[in-house]
Amino acid sequence: MNDDNHDKLVKAYLEYFKANEQYQKTGGIRPRRETRRWLREIRDLAKIRMNEVQDSYVNRRENSKKDEQED
């Protein structure tokens, strides 16, 4: 089953949460790297999701205008 970008974003946040908890406990280099890795992943996925939301909005508006013109 393929996850959409929203699901990937949620999963990335959960992984970040785990890594951050470990970093808060130990303050070590590996947990810091993992925390930053997941933050970068969240940032990238958020940008993709932001574009999807914008495209969806634009498409809905265009379809709404077409339906109004047909009436």
Protein backbone atom coordinates (compact mmCIF):
# COMPACT_ATOMS: atom_id res chain seq x y z
CA MET A 1 0.00 0.00 0.00
CA ASN A 2 1.47 3.35 -1.02
CA ASP A 3 1.24 6.16 1.48
CA ASP A 4 0.30 9.61 0.33
CA ASN A 5 2.49 12.51 1.35
CA HIS A 6 0.32 13.36 4.33
CA ASP A 7 0.89 9.88 5.78
CA LYS A 8 4.62 10.12 5.08
CA LEU A 9 4.68 13.45 6.89
CA VAL A 10 2.94 11.98 9.94
CA LYS A 11 5.31 9.00 10.00
CA ALA A 12 8.32 11.30 9.70
CA TYR A 13 7.07 13.34 12.64
CA LEU A 14 6.67 10.21 14.76
CA GLU A 15 10.24 9.18 13.91
CA TYR A 16 11.44 12.68 14.75
CA PHE A 17 9.59 12.52 18.07
CA LYS A 18 11.37 9.27 18.98
CA ALA A 19 14.76 10.60 17.92
CA ASN A 20 14.22 13.84 19.82
CA GLU A 21 13.27 11.97 22.97
CA GLN A 22 16.51 10.01 22.73
CA TYR A 23 18.47 13.20 22.10
CA GLN A 24 16.89 14.88 25.13
CA LYS A 25 17.89 11.90 27.30
CA THR A 26 21.47 11.44 26.18
CA GLY A 27 22.51 14.53 24.22
CA GLY A 28 24.76 12.32 22.11
CA ILE A 29 25.97 12.75 18.57
CA ARG A 30 23.94 9.93 17.01
CA PRO A 31 20.61 11.04 18.46
CA ARG A 32 21.39 14.61 17.37
CA ARG A 33 22.05 13.43 13.83
CA GLU A 34 18.85 11.38 13.77
CA THR A 35 16.82 14.29 15.10
CA ARG A 36 18.21 16.63 12.45
CA ARG A 37 17.71 14.01 9.74
CA TRP A 38 14.02 13.69 10.56
CA LEU A 39 13.61 17.44 10.76
CA ARG A 40 15.01 17.73 7.22
CA GLU A 41 12.65 14.98 6.06
CA ILE A 42 9.69 16.77 7.65
CA ARG A 43 10.72 20.01 5.95
CA ASP A 44 10.94 18.35 2.53
CA LEU A 45 7.65 16.50 2.91
CA ALA A 46 5.93 19.64 4.21
CA LYS A 47 6.97 21.53 1.08
CA ILE A 48 5.58 18.77 -1.14
CA ARG A 49 2.34 18.63 0.85
CA MET A 50 2.02 22.42 0.74
CA ASN A 51 2.17 22.31 -3.06
CA GLU A 52 -0.40 19.48 -3.17
CA VAL A 53 -2.81 21.48 -1.04
CA GLN A 54 -2.36 24.57 -3.21
CA ASP A 55 -2.86 22.58 -6.44
CA SER A 56 -5.96 20.93 -5.03
CA TYR A 57 -7.40 24.31 -4.06
CA VAL A 58 -6.72 25.79 -7.50
CA ASN A 59 -8.27 22.77 -9.24
CA ARG A 60 -11.39 22.96 -7.10
CA ARG A 61 -11.81 26.65 -7.83
CA GLU A 62 -11.37 26.09 -11.56
CA ASN A 63 -13.90 23.25 -11.54
CA SER A 64 -16.31 25.37 -9.55
CA LYS A 65 -16.02 28.21 -12.06
CA LYS A 66 -16.58 25.80 -14.97
CA ASP A 67 -19.70 24.42 -13.30
CA GLU A 68 -21.04 27.95 -12.75
CA GLN A 69 -20.43 28.86 -16.39
CA GLU A 70 -22.27 25.76 -17.62
CA ASP A 71 -25.40 26.65 -15.65
